Amino acid sequence: MHSGPLRKMHAVLLPDTGEVRYTMQLGEGSIDLNGRLGGDLTVRATGIRTCVVCGRKVGKFFGQGFCYPCFRDSPEASACIVRPELCRAHLGEGRDPDWERTHHLQEHIVYLSFTGGVKVGVTRSTQVPVRWIDQGAVQALPIARTPHRQLAGLIEVALKDVFADRTDWRAMLRPVRPAPDVLSLQRPRALDAIPAALREFALPAERAVDLHYPVDHLPPKVRSINLDKEAEVAGTLAAIKGQYLVWTDGRVLNVRNHSGFHIELNGPRPLAAARS
């Protein structure tokens, strides 16, 4: 059994195959989740919650795993996380200018992705392809590269007039593969939507990246689990996609949304580990 506070699943993309590999860190243990696919998996909330920033025990969370003081003051909870066009790192400002320099006064990518539909998004260059994986994108295409977050946010705002900017998690969990050139065909619309003053940052010749997730099968109907209301979910693990664990009965746990929840995780060891 593994136990500890949940954080988002760690994921890497194997460049040769496009395969996504997942691990989960709980306490001192690192768990290979791909090896659990098709086996029994139980997640049980212990009732303990701790802030993802300061580690303080809390009775309830504000935002995504924050205690109230960190939700109010931490740069990880600032408005420009969701709305990058509001970022002030380039002005030397923000809740924590040193944090902003490290995380937001850095090269950013504006991209199109297919997550059940075409959407636009922004991420730090060092977070490619992690951000695409977290959103469950099966294909992604860089559209622009900017020297800091606010400029990427301004481009995203313009592209939101043409493309969606949110992921429909139910659509993302449907077994749909896009046409191979779906994002390349949308590139001209995206480039045309970039304001003239920002077109120097456009990327007209990037190649689309395909991503393949550990999926045994995706149930036709899915139901989101809230560990506050349903403390335990058990059964056969059918798929891992985005930041979602999917069981064969259609129950789905958004791991990232439960950051800071302390859980116990049970299930058979992967075959390779069992043999060692």
C-alpha atoms as a PDB file:
ATOM      1  CA  MET A   1       0.000   0.000   0.000  1.00  0.00           C
ATOM      2  CA  HIS A   2       1.174   3.526  -0.803  1.00  0.00           C
ATOM      3  CA  SER A   3      -0.077   6.589   1.060  1.00  0.00           C
ATOM      4  CA  GLY A   4       0.477  10.330   1.125  1.00  0.00           C
ATOM      5  CA  PRO A   5      -0.831  13.635  -0.269  1.00  0.00           C
ATOM      6  CA  LEU A   6      -1.927  13.641  -3.897  1.00  0.00           C
ATOM      7  CA  ARG A   7      -0.151  15.756  -6.466  1.00  0.00           C
ATOM      8  CA  LYS A   8      -0.763  15.711 -10.172  1.00  0.00           C
ATOM      9  CA  MET A   9       0.555  12.615 -11.925  1.00  0.00           C
ATOM     10  CA  HIS A  10       4.041  12.921 -13.384  1.00  0.00           C
ATOM     11  CA  ALA A  11       4.052  12.160 -17.107  1.00  0.00           C
ATOM     12  CA  VAL A  12       6.655  11.871 -19.840  1.00  0.00           C
ATOM     13  CA  LEU A  13       6.290  11.485 -23.596  1.00  0.00           C
ATOM     14  CA  LEU A  14       8.492   8.905 -25.296  1.00  0.00           C
ATOM     15  CA  PRO A  15       9.656  10.740 -28.437  1.00  0.00           C
ATOM     16  CA  ASP A  16      10.082   7.690 -30.651  1.00  0.00           C
ATOM     17  CA  THR A  17       6.581   6.269 -30.125  1.00  0.00           C
ATOM     18  CA  GLY A  18       4.505   9.151 -28.743  1.00  0.00           C
ATOM     19  CA  GLU A  19       3.625   6.925 -25.768  1.00  0.00           C
ATOM     20  CA  VAL A  20       2.740   8.709 -22.516  1.00  0.00           C
ATOM     21  CA  ARG A  21       4.175   7.139 -19.341  1.00  0.00           C
ATOM     22  CA  TYR A  22       2.675   8.005 -15.944  1.00  0.00           C
ATOM     23  CA  THR A  23       4.002   7.769 -12.400  1.00  0.00           C
ATOM     24  CA  MET A  24       2.485   8.921  -9.109  1.00  0.00           C
ATOM     25  CA  GLN A  25       4.528  10.083  -6.139  1.00  0.00           C
ATOM     26  CA  LEU A  26       2.988   9.156  -2.786  1.00  0.00           C
ATOM     27  CA  GLY A  27       5.138   9.641   0.284  1.00  0.00           C
ATOM     28  CA  GLU A  28       8.529   8.092  -0.419  1.00  0.00           C
ATOM     29  CA  GLY A  29       7.224   5.814  -3.168  1.00  0.00           C
ATOM     30  CA  SER A  30       7.031   6.340  -6.924  1.00  0.00           C
ATOM     31  CA  ILE A  31       4.343   4.212  -8.570  1.00  0.00           C
ATOM     32  CA  ASP A  32       4.396   3.125 -12.226  1.00  0.00           C
ATOM     33  CA  LEU A  33       0.764   3.646 -13.218  1.00  0.00           C
ATOM     34  CA  ASN A  34       1.019   2.277 -16.761  1.00  0.00           C
ATOM     35  CA  GLY A  35       1.827  -1.089 -15.221  1.00  0.00           C
ATOM     36  CA  ARG A  36      -1.468  -0.988 -13.277  1.00  0.00           C
ATOM     37  CA  LEU A  37      -3.593  -0.785 -16.423  1.00  0.00           C
ATOM     38  CA  GLY A  38      -6.059  -3.677 -16.575  1.00  0.00           C
ATOM     39  CA  GLY A  39      -5.527  -4.535 -12.896  1.00  0.00           C
ATOM     40  CA  ASP A  40      -7.380  -3.737  -9.691  1.00  0.00           C
ATOM     41  CA  LEU A  41      -6.795  -0.290  -8.253  1.00  0.00           C
ATOM     42  CA  THR A  42      -8.253   1.239  -5.085  1.00  0.00           C
ATOM     43  CA  VAL A  43      -7.972   4.890  -4.105  1.00  0.00           C
ATOM     44  CA  ARG A  44      -9.185   5.784  -0.608  1.00  0.00           C
ATOM     45  CA  ALA A  45      -9.201   9.268   0.919  1.00  0.00           C
ATOM     46  CA  THR A  46      -8.038   9.289   4.542  1.00  0.00           C
ATOM     47  CA  GLY A  47      -9.836  12.549   5.401  1.00  0.00           C
ATOM     48  CA  ILE A  48      -6.603  14.528   5.821  1.00  0.00           C
ATOM     49  CA  ARG A  49      -6.012  17.558   3.593  1.00  0.00           C
ATOM     50  CA  THR A  50      -2.853  19.652   3.447  1.00  0.00           C
ATOM     51  CA  CYS A  51      -2.109  22.810   1.455  1.00  0.00           C
ATOM     52  CA  VAL A  52      -0.047  22.144  -1.672  1.00  0.00           C
ATOM     53  CA  VAL A  53       2.084  25.251  -1.006  1.00  0.00           C
ATOM     54  CA  CYS A  54       2.732  25.447   2.748  1.00  0.00           C
ATOM     55  CA  GLY A  55       1.711  21.924   3.855  1.00  0.00           C
ATOM     56  CA  ARG A  56      -0.689  23.195   6.532  1.00  0.00           C
ATOM     57  CA  LYS A  57      -3.596  20.914   7.532  1.00  0.00           C
ATOM     58  CA  VAL A  58      -6.935  22.352   6.446  1.00  0.00           C
ATOM     59  CA  GLY A  59     -10.603  21.502   6.751  1.00  0.00           C
ATOM     60  CA  LYS A  60     -11.392  22.770   3.248  1.00  0.00           C
ATOM     61  CA  PHE A  61      -9.481  23.922   0.206  1.00  0.00           C
ATOM     62  CA  PHE A  62      -9.656  27.190  -1.680  1.00  0.00           C
ATOM     63  CA  GLY A  63      -8.919  26.911  -5.378  1.00  0.00           C
ATOM     64  CA  GLN A  64      -6.950  23.793  -6.299  1.00  0.00           C
ATOM     65  CA  GLY A  65      -5.414  22.538  -3.052  1.00  0.00           C
ATOM     66  CA  PHE A  66      -4.667  25.863  -1.325  1.00  0.00           C
ATOM     67  CA  CYS A  67      -5.254  26.957   2.256  1.00  0.00           C
ATOM     68  CA  TYR A  68      -6.895  30.395   2.398  1.00  0.00           C
ATOM     69  CA  PRO A  69      -3.687  32.423   3.103  1.00  0.00           C
ATOM     70  CA  CYS A  70      -1.882  30.743   0.174  1.00  0.00           C
ATOM     71  CA  PHE A  71      -4.926  31.168  -2.084  1.00  0.00           C
ATOM     72  CA  ARG A  72      -4.880  34.865  -1.195  1.00  0.00           C
ATOM     73  CA  ASP A  73      -1.121  35.479  -1.362  1.00  0.00           C
ATOM     74  CA  SER A  74       0.713  32.721  -3.261  1.00  0.00           C
ATOM     75  CA  PRO A  75       1.880  33.415  -6.835  1.00  0.00           C
ATOM     76  CA  GLU A  76       0.705  29.881  -7.756  1.00  0.00           C
ATOM     77  CA  ALA A  77      -2.866  31.113  -7.159  1.00  0.00           C
ATOM     78  CA  SER A  78      -2.609  34.494  -8.890  1.00  0.00           C
ATOM     79  CA  ALA A  79      -5.048  35.512 -11.611  1.00  0.00           C
ATOM     80  CA  CYS A  80      -2.450  35.271 -14.385  1.00  0.00           C
ATOM     81  CA  ILE A  81      -2.208  31.500 -13.923  1.00  0.00           C
ATOM     82  CA  VAL A  82      -5.628  31.246 -15.595  1.00  0.00           C
ATOM     83  CA  ARG A  83      -5.454  34.505 -17.547  1.00  0.00           C
ATOM     84  CA  PRO A  84      -1.851  34.908 -18.756  1.00  0.00           C
ATOM     85  CA  GLU A  85      -2.633  38.223 -20.434  1.00  0.00           C
ATOM     86  CA  LEU A  86      -2.802  39.704 -16.896  1.00  0.00           C
ATOM     87  CA  CYS A  87       0.779  38.680 -16.080  1.00  0.00           C
ATOM     88  CA  ARG A  88       3.052  41.507 -14.871  1.00  0.00           C
ATOM     89  CA  ALA A  89       6.325  39.601 -14.591  1.00  0.00           C
ATOM     90  CA  HIS A  90       7.836  41.627 -17.464  1.00  0.00           C
ATOM     91  CA  LEU A  91       7.253  44.747 -15.346  1.00  0.00           C
ATOM     92  CA  GLY A  92       9.028  43.239 -12.339  1.00  0.00           C
ATOM     93  CA  GLU A  93       5.702  42.951 -10.527  1.00  0.00           C
ATOM     94  CA  GLY A  94       3.438  40.222  -9.165  1.00  0.00           C
ATOM     95  CA  ARG A  95       2.707  38.540  -5.848  1.00  0.00           C
ATOM     96  CA  ASP A  96       6.302  37.308  -5.701  1.00  0.00           C
ATOM     97  CA  PRO A  97       8.598  38.974  -8.275  1.00  0.00           C
ATOM     98  CA  ASP A  98      11.329  36.343  -7.826  1.00  0.00           C
ATOM     99  CA  TRP A  99       8.824  33.523  -8.491  1.00  0.00           C
ATOM    100  CA  GLU A 100       7.445  35.449 -11.462  1.00  0.00           C
ATOM    101  CA  ARG A 101      10.939  35.846 -12.902  1.00  0.00           C
ATOM    102  CA  THR A 102      11.579  32.127 -12.646  1.00  0.00           C
ATOM    103  CA  HIS A 103       8.222  30.938 -13.972  1.00  0.00           C
ATOM    104  CA  HIS A 104       6.671  33.687 -16.097  1.00  0.00           C
ATOM    105  CA  LEU A 105       9.535  35.866 -17.319  1.00  0.00           C
ATOM    106  CA  GLN A 106      10.464  32.897 -19.485  1.00  0.00           C
ATOM    107  CA  GLU A 107       9.804  31.740 -23.024  1.00  0.00           C
ATOM    108  CA  HIS A 108       6.181  30.675 -23.565  1.00  0.00           C
ATOM    109  CA  ILE A 109       4.404  28.746 -26.304  1.00  0.00           C
ATOM    110  CA  VAL A 110       0.939  29.372 -27.714  1.00  0.00           C
ATOM    111  CA  TYR A 111      -0.426  26.149 -29.165  1.00  0.00           C
ATOM    112  CA  LEU A 112      -3.409  24.422 -30.706  1.00  0.00           C
ATOM    113  CA  SER A 113      -4.373  21.022 -29.362  1.00  0.00           C
ATOM    114  CA  PHE A 114      -7.015  18.407 -30.058  1.00  0.00           C
ATOM    115  CA  THR A 115      -8.689  17.141 -26.882  1.00  0.00           C
ATOM    116  CA  GLY A 116     -12.005  16.084 -28.402  1.00  0.00           C
ATOM    117  CA  GLY A 117     -12.132  19.387 -30.264  1.00  0.00           C
ATOM    118  CA  VAL A 118      -9.576  22.012 -31.291  1.00  0.00           C
ATOM    119  CA  LYS A 119      -8.547  24.445 -28.545  1.00  0.00           C
ATOM    120  CA  VAL A 120      -5.901  27.100 -27.932  1.00  0.00           C
ATOM    121  CA  GLY A 121      -3.623  27.224 -24.916  1.00  0.00           C
ATOM    122  CA  VAL A 122      -0.480  28.732 -23.402  1.00  0.00           C
ATOM    123  CA  THR A 123       2.376  27.120 -21.513  1.00  0.00           C
ATOM    124  CA  ARG A 124       5.974  27.763 -20.554  1.00  0.00           C
ATOM    125  CA  SER A 125       8.364  26.236 -23.098  1.00  0.00           C
ATOM    126  CA  THR A 126       9.848  23.997 -20.413  1.00  0.00           C
ATOM    127  CA  GLN A 127       6.344  22.590 -19.804  1.00  0.00           C
ATOM    128  CA  VAL A 128       6.084  21.187 -23.349  1.00  0.00           C
ATOM    129  CA  PRO A 129       4.780  18.481 -23.703  1.00  0.00           C
ATOM    130  CA  VAL A 130       3.702  18.169 -20.029  1.00  0.00           C
ATOM    131  CA  ARG A 131       0.909  20.724 -20.406  1.00  0.00           C
ATOM    132  CA  TRP A 132      -0.444  18.929 -23.466  1.00  0.00           C
ATOM    133  CA  ILE A 133      -0.469  15.629 -21.569  1.00  0.00           C
ATOM    134  CA  ASP A 134      -2.203  17.196 -18.549  1.00  0.00           C
ATOM    135  CA  GLN A 135      -5.023  18.334 -20.842  1.00  0.00           C
ATOM    136  CA  GLY A 136      -5.350  14.935 -22.524  1.00  0.00           C
ATOM    137  CA  ALA A 137      -4.383  16.262 -25.958  1.00  0.00           C
ATOM    138  CA  VAL A 138      -3.941  13.567 -28.589  1.00  0.00           C
ATOM    139  CA  GLN A 139      -2.285  16.054 -30.939  1.00  0.00           C
ATOM    140  CA  ALA A 140      -0.645  19.456 -30.375  1.00  0.00           C
ATOM    141  CA  LEU A 141       0.860  22.127 -32.621  1.00  0.00           C
ATOM    142  CA  PRO A 142       2.894  25.183 -31.517  1.00  0.00           C
ATOM    143  CA  ILE A 143       1.588  28.396 -33.107  1.00  0.00           C
ATOM    144  CA  ALA A 144       3.719  31.129 -31.501  1.00  0.00           C
ATOM    145  CA  ARG A 145       6.755  31.526 -29.225  1.00  0.00           C
ATOM    146  CA  THR A 146       7.074  34.599 -27.000  1.00  0.00           C
ATOM    147  CA  PRO A 147       9.772  35.811 -24.562  1.00  0.00           C
ATOM    148  CA  HIS A 148       7.374  36.077 -21.603  1.00  0.00           C
ATOM    149  CA  ARG A 149       3.913  35.032 -20.431  1.00  0.00           C
ATOM    150  CA  GLN A 150       1.935  38.233 -20.948  1.00  0.00           C
ATOM    151  CA  LEU A 151       2.647  38.357 -24.705  1.00  0.00           C
ATOM    152  CA  ALA A 152       1.559  34.727 -25.063  1.00  0.00           C
ATOM    153  CA  GLY A 153      -1.612  35.609 -23.181  1.00  0.00           C
ATOM    154  CA  LEU A 154      -2.376  38.480 -25.568  1.00  0.00           C
ATOM    155  CA  ILE A 155      -2.052  36.112 -28.535  1.00  0.00           C
ATOM    156  CA  GLU A 156      -4.271  33.558 -26.796  1.00  0.00           C
ATOM    157  CA  VAL A 157      -6.949  36.205 -26.185  1.00  0.00           C
ATOM    158  CA  ALA A 158      -7.009  36.969 -29.925  1.00  0.00           C
ATOM    159  CA  LEU A 159      -7.181  33.271 -30.852  1.00  0.00           C
ATOM    160  CA  LYS A 160     -10.056  32.703 -28.424  1.00  0.00           C
ATOM    161  CA  ASP A 161     -12.249  34.545 -30.911  1.00  0.00           C
ATOM    162  CA  VAL A 162     -11.634  31.615 -33.275  1.00  0.00           C
ATOM    163  CA  PHE A 163     -10.990  28.584 -31.035  1.00  0.00           C
ATOM    164  CA  ALA A 164     -12.195  27.277 -27.698  1.00  0.00           C
ATOM    165  CA  ASP A 165      -9.828  27.703 -24.748  1.00  0.00           C
ATOM    166  CA  ARG A 166     -11.210  25.073 -22.384  1.00  0.00           C
ATOM    167  CA  THR A 167     -11.049  21.286 -22.349  1.00  0.00           C
ATOM    168  CA  ASP A 168     -14.352  19.387 -22.198  1.00  0.00           C
ATOM    169  CA  TRP A 169     -13.250  16.488 -20.011  1.00  0.00           C
ATOM    170  CA  ARG A 170     -16.106  14.239 -21.163  1.00  0.00           C
ATOM    171  CA  ALA A 171     -15.226  14.811 -24.814  1.00  0.00           C
ATOM    172  CA  MET A 172     -11.544  14.284 -23.985  1.00  0.00           C
ATOM    173  CA  LEU A 173     -12.376  10.845 -22.548  1.00  0.00           C
ATOM    174  CA  ARG A 174     -14.179   9.664 -25.676  1.00  0.00           C
ATOM    175  CA  PRO A 175     -12.205   7.255 -27.893  1.00  0.00           C
ATOM    176  CA  VAL A 176     -11.769   9.671 -30.811  1.00  0.00           C
ATOM    177  CA  ARG A 177      -8.617  10.174 -32.885  1.00  0.00           C
ATOM    178  CA  PRO A 178      -8.434  13.288 -35.042  1.00  0.00           C
ATOM    179  CA  ALA A 179      -7.544  13.289 -38.718  1.00  0.00           C
ATOM    180  CA  PRO A 180      -3.717  13.356 -39.037  1.00  0.00           C
ATOM    181  CA  ASP A 181      -3.683  16.915 -40.387  1.00  0.00           C
ATOM    182  CA  VAL A 182      -6.517  18.418 -38.310  1.00  0.00           C
ATOM    183  CA  LEU A 183      -4.303  20.995 -36.576  1.00  0.00           C
ATOM    184  CA  SER A 184      -2.177  21.782 -39.626  1.00  0.00           C
ATOM    185  CA  LEU A 185      -5.380  22.635 -41.481  1.00  0.00           C
ATOM    186  CA  GLN A 186      -6.330  25.029 -38.673  1.00  0.00           C
ATOM    187  CA  ARG A 187      -2.926  26.733 -38.600  1.00  0.00           C
ATOM    188  CA  PRO A 188      -3.745  29.400 -41.255  1.00  0.00           C
ATOM    189  CA  ARG A 189      -6.805  30.508 -39.245  1.00  0.00           C
ATOM    190  CA  ALA A 190      -4.679  30.717 -36.107  1.00  0.00           C
ATOM    191  CA  LEU A 191      -1.885  32.699 -37.759  1.00  0.00           C
ATOM    192  CA  ASP A 192      -4.373  35.104 -39.338  1.00  0.00           C
ATOM    193  CA  ALA A 193      -5.926  35.737 -35.905  1.00  0.00           C
ATOM    194  CA  ILE A 194      -2.631  36.841 -34.324  1.00  0.00           C
ATOM    195  CA  PRO A 195      -2.603  40.659 -34.011  1.00  0.00           C
ATOM    196  CA  ALA A 196      -0.249  42.328 -36.482  1.00  0.00           C
ATOM    197  CA  ALA A 197       1.893  43.753 -33.664  1.00  0.00           C
ATOM    198  CA  LEU A 198       2.551  40.218 -32.375  1.00  0.00           C
ATOM    199  CA  ARG A 199       3.086  38.325 -35.637  1.00  0.00           C
ATOM    200  CA  GLU A 200       6.856  38.386 -35.220  1.00  0.00           C
ATOM    201  CA  PHE A 201       6.306  35.590 -32.667  1.00  0.00           C
ATOM    202  CA  ALA A 202       4.350  33.335 -35.046  1.00  0.00           C
ATOM    203  CA  LEU A 203       5.575  29.817 -35.867  1.00  0.00           C
ATOM    204  CA  PRO A 204       4.413  29.009 -39.414  1.00  0.00           C
ATOM    205  CA  ALA A 205       6.244  25.713 -39.930  1.00  0.00           C
ATOM    206  CA  GLU A 206       6.106  23.668 -36.702  1.00  0.00           C
ATOM    207  CA  ARG A 207       5.123  20.007 -36.924  1.00  0.00           C
ATOM    208  CA  ALA A 208       2.201  18.547 -34.982  1.00  0.00           C
ATOM    209  CA  VAL A 209       3.005  16.144 -32.135  1.00  0.00           C
ATOM    210  CA  ASP A 210       0.919  12.989 -31.585  1.00  0.00           C
ATOM    211  CA  LEU A 211       0.349  11.583 -28.090  1.00  0.00           C
ATOM    212  CA  HIS A 212      -0.807   8.070 -27.187  1.00  0.00           C
ATOM    213  CA  TYR A 213      -2.159   7.322 -23.710  1.00  0.00           C
ATOM    214  CA  PRO A 214      -2.303   4.086 -21.695  1.00  0.00           C
ATOM    215  CA  VAL A 215      -5.848   3.014 -22.544  1.00  0.00           C
ATOM    216  CA  ASP A 216      -7.286  -0.475 -22.273  1.00  0.00           C
ATOM    217  CA  HIS A 217     -10.692   0.908 -23.136  1.00  0.00           C
ATOM    218  CA  LEU A 218     -12.715   4.053 -22.450  1.00  0.00           C
ATOM    219  CA  PRO A 219     -16.207   3.410 -21.009  1.00  0.00           C
ATOM    220  CA  PRO A 220     -19.083   4.868 -23.070  1.00  0.00           C
ATOM    221  CA  LYS A 221     -20.405   6.733 -20.011  1.00  0.00           C
ATOM    222  CA  VAL A 222     -18.209   8.381 -17.378  1.00  0.00           C
ATOM    223  CA  ARG A 223     -18.958   9.878 -13.961  1.00  0.00           C
ATOM    224  CA  SER A 224     -16.630  12.177 -12.073  1.00  0.00           C
ATOM    225  CA  ILE A 225     -15.690  11.196  -8.499  1.00  0.00           C
ATOM    226  CA  ASN A 226     -15.378  13.765  -5.693  1.00  0.00           C
ATOM    227  CA  LEU A 227     -13.363  12.308  -2.801  1.00  0.00           C
ATOM    228  CA  ASP A 228     -15.161  14.658  -0.403  1.00  0.00           C
ATOM    229  CA  LYS A 229     -18.395  12.788  -1.153  1.00  0.00           C
ATOM    230  CA  GLU A 230     -17.151   9.350  -2.198  1.00  0.00           C
ATOM    231  CA  ALA A 231     -14.063   8.532  -0.169  1.00  0.00           C
ATOM    232  CA  GLU A 232     -13.167   5.296  -1.957  1.00  0.00           C
ATOM    233  CA  VAL A 233     -13.140   4.168  -5.562  1.00  0.00           C
ATOM    234  CA  ALA A 234     -12.116   0.611  -6.417  1.00  0.00           C
ATOM    235  CA  GLY A 235     -12.204  -1.603  -9.470  1.00  0.00           C
ATOM    236  CA  THR A 236     -10.278  -2.325 -12.639  1.00  0.00           C
ATOM    237  CA  LEU A 237      -8.218   0.514 -14.090  1.00  0.00           C
ATOM    238  CA  ALA A 238      -9.318   0.982 -17.701  1.00  0.00           C
ATOM    239  CA  ALA A 239      -7.368   4.064 -18.804  1.00  0.00           C
ATOM    240  CA  ILE A 240      -5.161   6.973 -17.827  1.00  0.00           C
ATOM    241  CA  LYS A 241      -5.551  10.138 -19.845  1.00  0.00           C
ATOM    242  CA  GLY A 242      -4.793  13.752 -19.036  1.00  0.00           C
ATOM    243  CA  GLN A 243      -4.847  13.880 -15.248  1.00  0.00           C
ATOM    244  CA  TYR A 244      -7.680  11.329 -15.063  1.00  0.00           C
ATOM    245  CA  LEU A 245      -7.783   7.781 -13.763  1.00  0.00           C
ATOM    246  CA  VAL A 246     -10.642   5.874 -15.409  1.00  0.00           C
ATOM    247  CA  TRP A 247     -12.180   2.683 -14.030  1.00  0.00           C
ATOM    248  CA  THR A 248     -14.061   0.127 -16.159  1.00  0.00           C
ATOM    249  CA  ASP A 249     -17.400   1.049 -14.538  1.00  0.00           C
ATOM    250  CA  GLY A 250     -17.051   4.621 -15.825  1.00  0.00           C
ATOM    251  CA  ARG A 251     -15.987   6.285 -12.599  1.00  0.00           C
ATOM    252  CA  VAL A 252     -13.312   8.905 -13.173  1.00  0.00           C
ATOM    253  CA  LEU A 253     -10.944  10.615 -10.739  1.00  0.00           C
ATOM    254  CA  ASN A 254      -9.388  13.940 -11.692  1.00  0.00           C
ATOM    255  CA  VAL A 255      -6.113  13.578  -9.804  1.00  0.00           C
ATOM    256  CA  ARG A 256      -5.023  17.188 -10.202  1.00  0.00           C
ATOM    257  CA  ASN A 257      -8.330  18.504  -8.828  1.00  0.00           C
ATOM    258  CA  HIS A 258      -7.678  16.459  -5.668  1.00  0.00           C
ATOM    259  CA  SER A 259      -4.194  17.843  -5.030  1.00  0.00           C
ATOM    260  CA  GLY A 260      -3.581  17.958  -1.281  1.00  0.00           C
ATOM    261  CA  PHE A 261      -5.993  15.129  -0.438  1.00  0.00           C
ATOM    262  CA  HIS A 262      -4.187  12.381   1.461  1.00  0.00           C
ATOM    263  CA  ILE A 263      -4.961   8.974  -0.005  1.00  0.00           C
ATOM    264  CA  GLU A 264      -4.085   5.322   0.300  1.00  0.00           C
ATOM    265  CA  LEU A 265      -3.528   3.516  -2.983  1.00  0.00           C
ATOM    266  CA  ASN A 266      -3.793  -0.256  -3.250  1.00  0.00           C
ATOM    267  CA  GLY A 267      -3.459  -2.593  -6.194  1.00  0.00           C
ATOM    268  CA  PRO A 268      -1.378  -5.431  -7.566  1.00  0.00           C
ATOM    269  CA  ARG A 269       2.222  -4.671  -8.294  1.00  0.00           C
ATOM    270  CA  PRO A 270       3.207  -4.426 -11.969  1.00  0.00           C
ATOM    271  CA  LEU A 271       4.400  -7.776 -13.330  1.00  0.00           C
ATOM    272  CA  ALA A 272       7.982  -6.541 -13.759  1.00  0.00           C
ATOM    273  CA  ALA A 273       8.138  -5.498 -10.110  1.00  0.00           C
ATOM    274  CA  ALA A 274       6.540  -8.744  -8.953  1.00  0.00           C
ATOM    275  CA  ARG A 275       9.241 -10.770 -10.708  1.00  0.00           C
ATOM    276  CA  SER A 276      12.141  -8.775  -9.258  1.00  0.00           C
END
